[in-house]
């Protein structure tokens, strides 16, 4: 917990186990991105010039794509993936469907909505 900017929090893959009676249907696959990032942009750097994490493309290729990707999309005070990086991760993962997941989003978003309602 004290190794700031040195730990990549875990993600995982869930793949359906099927028997031989699935009539050629591919097993359902889900990717959970955990608490992740696509690139690290420091002050003064241009986002488009910063290298991206190649792991998502590798994961997409190794698993042959996903039926569902759960990733922490949503720019809330720069805590989570900006929408653009989330879209790039979805494309790298070869995901057919994506859902954003973020417990902090649900605790911070009402405060943001309330602040905007006062303007």
Foldseek 3Di string as FASTA:
>chain_A
DPPPPPDADDKDKDWDDDDPPPVPDGTAMEIERGQHEFFDDDPPDDPVVTHTDLVLLVQLVVVVAHQEYEAAEDDDVNRGYDPVSVVVSNVSNNYPYYDYDDPVCVVCVVVVVVVVVVD
